[in-house]
Amino acid sequence: MIDFISPFALRRSGILGMNSRNIEFISRYNDRKLFPLVDNKLQTKLLAQEYGINTPELLFVVRYQRDVYKLLEKLKDISSFAIKPACGSGGKGILVIKGREGDGFIKSSGVVIGLEEVTRHVTNILAGLYSLSGDQDVALVETLIEADAVFDDYSYQGVPDIRIIVFQGYPVMAMLRLSTKASDGKANLHQGAVGVGLDIKTGKPINAVMNGVKILTHPDTNHSFDTIKIDNWKELLLLASSCYDMTNLGYLGVDIVLDKNKGAMILELNARPGLSIQVANSKGLLPRLREIEKVATKRANLQKRVDFVLGFENF
């Protein structure tokens, strides 16, 4: 594990701190006028459709309170779905329904709730309870992702995702996020999920942490992370890196899910990705970002950018 005691030790380890991330990378490489493309999941989805990038299917959008009362009619033939705030962050405000039981809705945790609770949740989304700015929001109702069987032994109830940091179109660091009982089936590290650092060249696991502490096995399934194998890793790097061309955001977090029927899909994009990916990898981001700054003076095509990373011995 990286020594977290001294700021000097952090710097020597190449750790990217929040101030450096905000000033040297987000402010410098991300034009603020482009932020709505990723801060608003509806805009992201529409943009991805335009670029032919696969995302979970949008069933319908709830924009106004008067539409909330039509939910039962709209959901009558839909057994599983996810409700998300368009402008939410950190997994907040996401309601996952995996099935129906009579008039009830079965959450991913197995708890059955009624229509009243579903409509209350949507009302809270519209009121901006989960939005980044606190402003009024809209609710997206999407098809439920069916996680690839490759992760069956490594996640508790929720759908795992792969976070890849893309800088100037180059993939620089990756981690697999696995839900736990403590995280209530959500794949967010700050809520208690597991972060598994992945070798950026191969996708093989190199380290795993939960609440900042190194672990060897999943706390709920007891399976070792060493046996995780992600196929078609280069294709995932190409998918993540293409989001730079789609958004023109130079510093970007790309969240990818593997659906057993539809393959790799972009779940979410983030113009302010967190820094815990460094803990999961037990490596700092800063040296990799500096190397990319040296070569990204001219805009290379997608294939060349990914090939550079795969062939660069210091990554």
Protein backbone atom coordinates (compact mmCIF):
# COMPACT_ATOMS: atom_id res chain seq x y z
CA MET A 1 0.00 0.00 0.00
CA ILE A 2 1.02 3.62 -0.55
CA ASP A 3 2.32 5.52 2.49
CA PHE A 4 -0.40 8.03 3.38
CA ILE A 5 1.31 9.57 6.42
CA SER A 6 3.29 12.45 4.94
CA PRO A 7 2.39 14.88 2.13
CA PHE A 8 5.99 14.51 0.93
CA ALA A 9 5.58 10.73 0.79
CA LEU A 10 2.38 11.18 -1.19
CA ARG A 11 4.16 13.41 -3.69
CA ARG A 12 7.04 10.96 -4.05
CA SER A 13 4.50 8.21 -4.74
CA GLY A 14 3.03 10.26 -7.57
CA ILE A 15 -0.30 10.75 -5.85
CA LEU A 16 -2.56 13.27 -7.55
CA GLY A 17 -4.17 15.46 -4.88
CA MET A 18 -7.48 17.26 -5.11
CA ASN A 19 -6.03 20.73 -5.60
CA SER A 20 -3.71 19.54 -8.35
CA ARG A 21 -6.52 17.62 -10.01
CA ASN A 22 -8.85 20.62 -9.92
CA ILE A 23 -6.35 23.26 -11.05
CA GLU A 24 -3.86 21.46 -13.31
CA PHE A 25 -6.18 18.98 -15.00
CA ILE A 26 -9.90 19.67 -14.64
CA SER A 27 -9.71 23.47 -14.99
CA ARG A 28 -7.02 23.30 -17.66
CA TYR A 29 -8.34 20.50 -19.85
CA ASN A 30 -12.12 20.57 -19.29
CA ASP A 31 -13.97 23.51 -20.80
CA ARG A 32 -16.76 24.35 -18.35
CA LYS A 33 -19.25 24.89 -21.15
CA LEU A 34 -18.92 21.16 -21.93
CA PHE A 35 -19.73 19.99 -18.40
CA PRO A 36 -23.50 19.62 -19.08
CA LEU A 37 -22.66 16.89 -21.60
CA VAL A 38 -21.65 14.63 -18.71
CA ASP A 39 -23.33 16.23 -15.69
CA ASN A 40 -26.71 15.57 -17.29
CA LYS A 41 -27.21 11.85 -17.94
CA LEU A 42 -29.95 12.54 -20.46
CA GLN A 43 -27.61 14.71 -22.55
CA THR A 44 -24.91 12.06 -22.24
CA LYS A 45 -27.27 9.35 -23.44
CA LEU A 46 -28.47 11.38 -26.42
CA LEU A 47 -24.89 12.26 -27.36
CA ALA A 48 -23.82 8.62 -27.09
CA GLN A 49 -26.67 7.58 -29.37
CA GLU A 50 -25.48 10.15 -31.92
CA TYR A 51 -21.95 8.67 -31.80
CA GLY A 52 -23.15 5.07 -31.88
CA ILE A 53 -21.94 4.30 -28.36
CA ASN A 54 -23.95 1.69 -26.46
CA THR A 55 -25.77 2.76 -23.26
CA PRO A 56 -28.64 1.26 -21.20
CA GLU A 57 -31.92 1.71 -23.09
CA LEU A 58 -34.00 4.72 -22.07
CA LEU A 59 -37.62 3.68 -21.52
CA PHE A 60 -39.08 7.09 -20.75
CA VAL A 61 -38.40 10.38 -18.97
CA VAL A 62 -40.44 11.97 -16.18
CA ARG A 63 -40.12 15.74 -16.43
CA TYR A 64 -43.08 17.15 -14.50
CA GLN A 65 -44.95 16.36 -11.32
CA ARG A 66 -48.15 15.78 -13.29
CA ASP A 67 -46.41 12.90 -15.06
CA VAL A 68 -45.58 11.16 -11.76
CA TYR A 69 -49.20 10.10 -11.37
CA LYS A 70 -49.01 8.25 -14.71
CA LEU A 71 -46.18 5.99 -13.49
CA LEU A 72 -48.33 2.95 -12.80
CA GLU A 73 -49.70 3.00 -16.33
CA LYS A 74 -46.26 3.41 -17.87
CA LEU A 75 -44.73 0.67 -15.73
CA LYS A 76 -47.54 -1.87 -15.98
CA ASP A 77 -45.73 -4.05 -18.55
CA ILE A 78 -42.19 -3.46 -17.21
CA SER A 79 -40.98 -5.89 -14.56
CA SER A 80 -37.46 -4.57 -14.02
CA PHE A 81 -36.00 -1.09 -14.45
CA ALA A 82 -33.80 1.61 -12.91
CA ILE A 83 -34.89 5.15 -12.03
CA LYS A 84 -32.10 7.75 -12.03
CA PRO A 85 -31.83 11.52 -11.57
CA ALA A 86 -30.46 13.08 -14.75
CA CYS A 87 -28.11 15.31 -12.77
CA GLY A 88 -27.28 13.08 -9.82
CA SER A 89 -23.79 12.01 -8.78
CA GLY A 90 -22.08 9.34 -6.72
CA GLY A 91 -24.89 6.86 -7.22
CA LYS A 92 -27.30 8.97 -5.18
CA GLY A 93 -30.97 8.84 -6.11
CA ILE A 94 -30.80 5.62 -8.12
CA LEU A 95 -33.66 3.20 -7.47
CA VAL A 96 -33.21 -0.30 -8.91
CA ILE A 97 -36.25 -2.53 -9.31
CA LYS A 98 -35.45 -6.12 -10.25
CA GLY A 99 -38.97 -7.57 -10.31
CA ARG A 100 -42.61 -7.35 -9.33
CA GLU A 101 -44.62 -9.04 -6.57
CA GLY A 102 -48.32 -8.39 -6.99
CA ASP A 103 -48.72 -4.62 -6.78
CA GLY A 104 -45.28 -4.29 -5.21
CA PHE A 105 -41.85 -3.55 -6.65
CA ILE A 106 -38.85 -5.67 -5.61
CA LYS A 107 -35.67 -3.67 -4.99
CA SER A 108 -32.22 -5.13 -5.67
CA SER A 109 -31.94 -5.77 -1.92
CA GLY A 110 -35.06 -7.96 -2.06
CA VAL A 111 -37.21 -5.48 -0.14
CA VAL A 112 -40.68 -5.01 -1.63
CA ILE A 113 -42.01 -1.45 -1.86
CA GLY A 114 -45.31 -0.03 -3.08
CA LEU A 115 -46.14 2.40 -5.85
CA GLU A 116 -46.39 5.20 -3.29
CA GLU A 117 -42.72 4.81 -2.42
CA VAL A 118 -41.74 4.74 -6.10
CA THR A 119 -43.71 7.91 -6.86
CA ARG A 120 -42.26 9.62 -3.77
CA HIS A 121 -38.76 8.80 -5.00
CA VAL A 122 -39.48 10.27 -8.44
CA THR A 123 -40.98 13.38 -6.82
CA ASN A 124 -37.78 13.84 -4.81
CA ILE A 125 -35.74 13.57 -8.01
CA LEU A 126 -37.85 16.23 -9.72
CA ALA A 127 -37.43 18.50 -6.70
CA GLY A 128 -33.63 18.32 -7.11
CA LEU A 129 -32.93 16.34 -3.94
CA TYR A 130 -30.13 14.41 -5.67
CA SER A 131 -28.95 16.90 -8.30
CA LEU A 132 -25.45 18.33 -8.28
CA SER A 133 -26.70 21.91 -8.05
CA GLY A 134 -29.87 21.33 -6.05
CA ASP A 135 -31.94 22.61 -8.98
CA GLN A 136 -35.03 20.88 -10.33
CA ASP A 137 -34.21 17.70 -12.20
CA VAL A 138 -35.79 15.06 -14.42
CA ALA A 139 -36.03 11.31 -13.80
CA LEU A 140 -34.78 8.74 -16.30
CA VAL A 141 -36.33 5.28 -16.39
CA GLU A 142 -33.96 2.79 -18.02
CA THR A 143 -33.82 -0.91 -18.72
CA LEU A 144 -32.10 -2.86 -15.99
CA ILE A 145 -28.57 -4.00 -16.73
CA GLU A 146 -28.01 -7.75 -16.48
CA ALA A 147 -24.47 -8.14 -15.26
CA ASP A 148 -22.11 -10.41 -17.17
CA ALA A 149 -21.70 -13.76 -15.44
CA VAL A 150 -17.94 -13.17 -15.20
CA PHE A 151 -18.61 -11.11 -12.05
CA ASP A 152 -21.14 -13.45 -10.39
CA ASP A 153 -18.73 -14.47 -7.63
CA TYR A 154 -17.36 -11.00 -6.91
CA SER A 155 -20.31 -8.74 -6.28
CA TYR A 156 -23.22 -8.52 -3.84
CA GLN A 157 -26.60 -7.92 -5.55
CA GLY A 158 -25.58 -4.83 -7.54
CA VAL A 159 -24.00 -4.45 -10.98
CA PRO A 160 -20.19 -4.06 -11.06
CA ASP A 161 -18.67 -1.35 -13.22
CA ILE A 162 -15.25 -0.50 -14.56
CA ARG A 163 -13.97 3.05 -14.05
CA ILE A 164 -11.31 4.18 -16.53
CA ILE A 165 -9.59 7.56 -16.25
CA VAL A 166 -9.06 9.01 -19.74
CA PHE A 167 -6.64 11.93 -20.17
CA GLN A 168 -6.41 13.70 -23.52
CA GLY A 169 -7.96 10.60 -25.05
CA TYR A 170 -5.45 8.18 -23.48
CA PRO A 171 -6.61 5.59 -20.91
CA VAL A 172 -4.30 6.01 -17.90
CA MET A 173 -5.77 4.07 -14.95
CA ALA A 174 -8.60 1.63 -14.32
CA MET A 175 -10.42 -0.09 -11.50
CA LEU A 176 -13.29 -2.51 -11.08
CA ARG A 177 -15.94 -1.44 -8.54
CA LEU A 178 -17.80 -4.25 -6.80
CA SER A 179 -20.87 -3.82 -4.63
CA THR A 180 -21.08 -5.26 -1.13
CA LYS A 181 -23.70 -5.76 1.54
CA ALA A 182 -22.24 -2.72 3.30
CA SER A 183 -22.70 -0.59 0.16
CA ASP A 184 -26.32 -1.75 -0.17
CA GLY A 185 -25.61 -3.26 -3.55
CA LYS A 186 -24.12 -0.06 -5.00
CA ALA A 187 -20.72 0.12 -6.65
CA ASN A 188 -19.58 3.36 -5.02
CA LEU A 189 -16.38 3.15 -2.97
CA HIS A 190 -17.37 5.88 -0.53
CA GLN A 191 -20.48 3.84 0.33
CA GLY A 192 -18.49 0.69 1.13
CA ALA A 193 -17.97 -0.98 -2.25
CA VAL A 194 -14.73 -2.75 -3.16
CA GLY A 195 -12.27 -1.13 -5.55
CA VAL A 196 -10.07 -3.53 -7.51
CA GLY A 197 -7.14 -1.90 -9.28
CA LEU A 198 -6.69 -3.20 -12.82
CA ASP A 199 -3.50 -3.31 -14.86
CA ILE A 200 -4.14 -0.74 -17.58
CA LYS A 201 -2.49 -2.97 -20.20
CA THR A 202 -4.14 -6.28 -19.43
CA GLY A 203 -7.17 -5.63 -17.21
CA LYS A 204 -5.81 -8.11 -14.66
CA PRO A 205 -6.38 -7.35 -10.95
CA ILE A 206 -3.35 -5.96 -9.11
CA ASN A 207 -4.76 -4.76 -5.78
CA ALA A 208 -8.07 -4.45 -3.93
CA VAL A 209 -9.33 -2.17 -1.18
CA MET A 210 -12.47 -1.63 0.87
CA ASN A 211 -12.82 1.56 2.91
CA GLY A 212 -9.17 2.27 2.12
CA VAL A 213 -7.93 -1.04 3.56
CA LYS A 214 -6.30 -3.69 1.40
CA ILE A 215 -8.28 -6.95 1.12
CA LEU A 216 -7.72 -10.22 -0.73
CA THR A 217 -11.25 -11.62 -0.99
CA HIS A 218 -14.74 -10.20 -1.39
CA PRO A 219 -16.24 -9.64 2.10
CA ASP A 220 -19.58 -11.26 1.18
CA THR A 221 -18.69 -13.98 -1.34
CA ASN A 222 -15.18 -14.82 -0.01
CA HIS A 223 -13.89 -15.23 -3.56
CA SER A 224 -10.33 -14.16 -4.29
CA PHE A 225 -9.88 -11.21 -6.63
CA ASP A 226 -6.84 -12.88 -8.22
CA THR A 227 -9.12 -15.05 -10.36
CA ILE A 228 -10.97 -12.17 -12.02
CA LYS A 229 -10.57 -12.22 -15.80
CA ILE A 230 -11.98 -9.52 -18.07
CA ASP A 231 -12.11 -10.47 -21.74
CA ASN A 232 -11.61 -8.09 -24.68
CA TRP A 233 -9.77 -5.58 -22.49
CA LYS A 234 -8.44 -3.54 -25.41
CA GLU A 235 -12.00 -3.06 -26.68
CA LEU A 236 -12.95 -1.56 -23.32
CA LEU A 237 -9.99 0.82 -23.51
CA LEU A 238 -11.06 1.87 -27.00
CA LEU A 239 -14.63 2.40 -25.83
CA ALA A 240 -13.55 4.54 -22.88
CA SER A 241 -11.07 6.55 -24.93
CA SER A 242 -13.67 7.28 -27.62
CA CYS A 243 -15.59 9.30 -25.04
CA TYR A 244 -12.88 11.96 -25.31
CA ASP A 245 -13.68 12.36 -29.00
CA MET A 246 -17.38 12.42 -28.16
CA THR A 247 -17.18 15.09 -25.42
CA ASN A 248 -13.87 16.93 -26.00
CA LEU A 249 -13.29 16.74 -22.24
CA GLY A 250 -9.58 16.21 -21.60
CA TYR A 251 -9.85 14.75 -18.09
CA LEU A 252 -12.65 12.26 -17.82
CA GLY A 253 -13.89 9.32 -15.77
CA VAL A 254 -15.67 6.70 -17.88
CA ASP A 255 -17.84 4.08 -16.16
CA ILE A 256 -18.44 0.92 -18.19
CA VAL A 257 -20.76 -2.00 -17.41
CA LEU A 258 -20.71 -5.43 -19.02
CA ASP A 259 -24.22 -6.62 -19.86
CA LYS A 260 -24.55 -10.35 -20.51
CA ASN A 261 -26.79 -9.73 -23.54
CA LYS A 262 -25.63 -6.37 -24.93
CA GLY A 263 -21.95 -6.37 -24.06
CA ALA A 264 -20.00 -3.31 -22.91
CA MET A 265 -22.02 -0.16 -22.32
CA ILE A 266 -21.21 3.32 -21.09
CA LEU A 267 -23.02 3.78 -17.81
CA GLU A 268 -21.88 7.27 -16.91
CA LEU A 269 -19.25 9.93 -17.63
CA ASN A 270 -17.68 12.20 -15.03
CA ALA A 271 -15.80 15.46 -15.61
CA ARG A 272 -14.59 15.43 -11.98
CA PRO A 273 -13.67 11.79 -11.32
CA GLY A 274 -12.62 10.94 -7.78
CA LEU A 275 -9.11 10.11 -6.67
CA SER A 276 -9.70 6.81 -4.89
CA ILE A 277 -8.75 4.93 -8.04
CA GLN A 278 -5.15 5.56 -6.93
CA VAL A 279 -5.77 3.72 -3.65
CA ALA A 280 -7.32 0.80 -5.52
CA ASN A 281 -4.26 0.62 -7.79
CA SER A 282 -1.73 1.39 -5.04
CA LYS A 283 -0.22 3.82 -7.55
CA GLY A 284 -0.36 7.54 -8.19
CA LEU A 285 -1.90 9.09 -11.28
CA LEU A 286 0.45 12.03 -11.59
CA PRO A 287 3.42 10.34 -13.34
CA ARG A 288 1.09 8.87 -15.98
CA LEU A 289 -0.62 12.18 -16.58
CA ARG A 290 2.74 13.92 -17.01
CA GLU A 291 3.84 11.30 -19.56
CA ILE A 292 0.67 11.86 -21.57
CA GLU A 293 1.20 15.63 -21.48
CA LYS A 294 4.50 15.04 -23.29
CA VAL A 295 2.95 13.15 -26.20
CA ALA A 296 -0.51 14.71 -26.51
CA THR A 297 0.64 17.86 -28.27
CA LYS A 298 -0.97 16.61 -31.47
CA ARG A 299 -4.33 14.85 -31.52
CA ALA A 300 -3.66 11.23 -32.41
CA ASN A 301 -6.44 8.94 -33.57
CA LEU A 302 -8.20 6.58 -31.20
CA GLN A 303 -6.31 3.40 -32.11
CA LYS A 304 -2.89 5.08 -31.81
CA ARG A 305 -3.72 6.52 -28.40
CA VAL A 306 -4.68 3.15 -26.96
CA ASP A 307 -1.73 1.41 -28.64
CA PHE A 308 0.62 3.98 -27.10
CA VAL A 309 -0.58 3.11 -23.61
CA LEU A 310 -0.43 -0.65 -24.27
CA GLY A 311 3.15 -0.31 -25.48
CA PHE A 312 4.44 2.18 -22.91
CA GLU A 313 6.64 0.36 -20.40
CA ASN A 314 6.20 2.87 -17.55
CA PHE A 315 2.42 2.32 -17.30
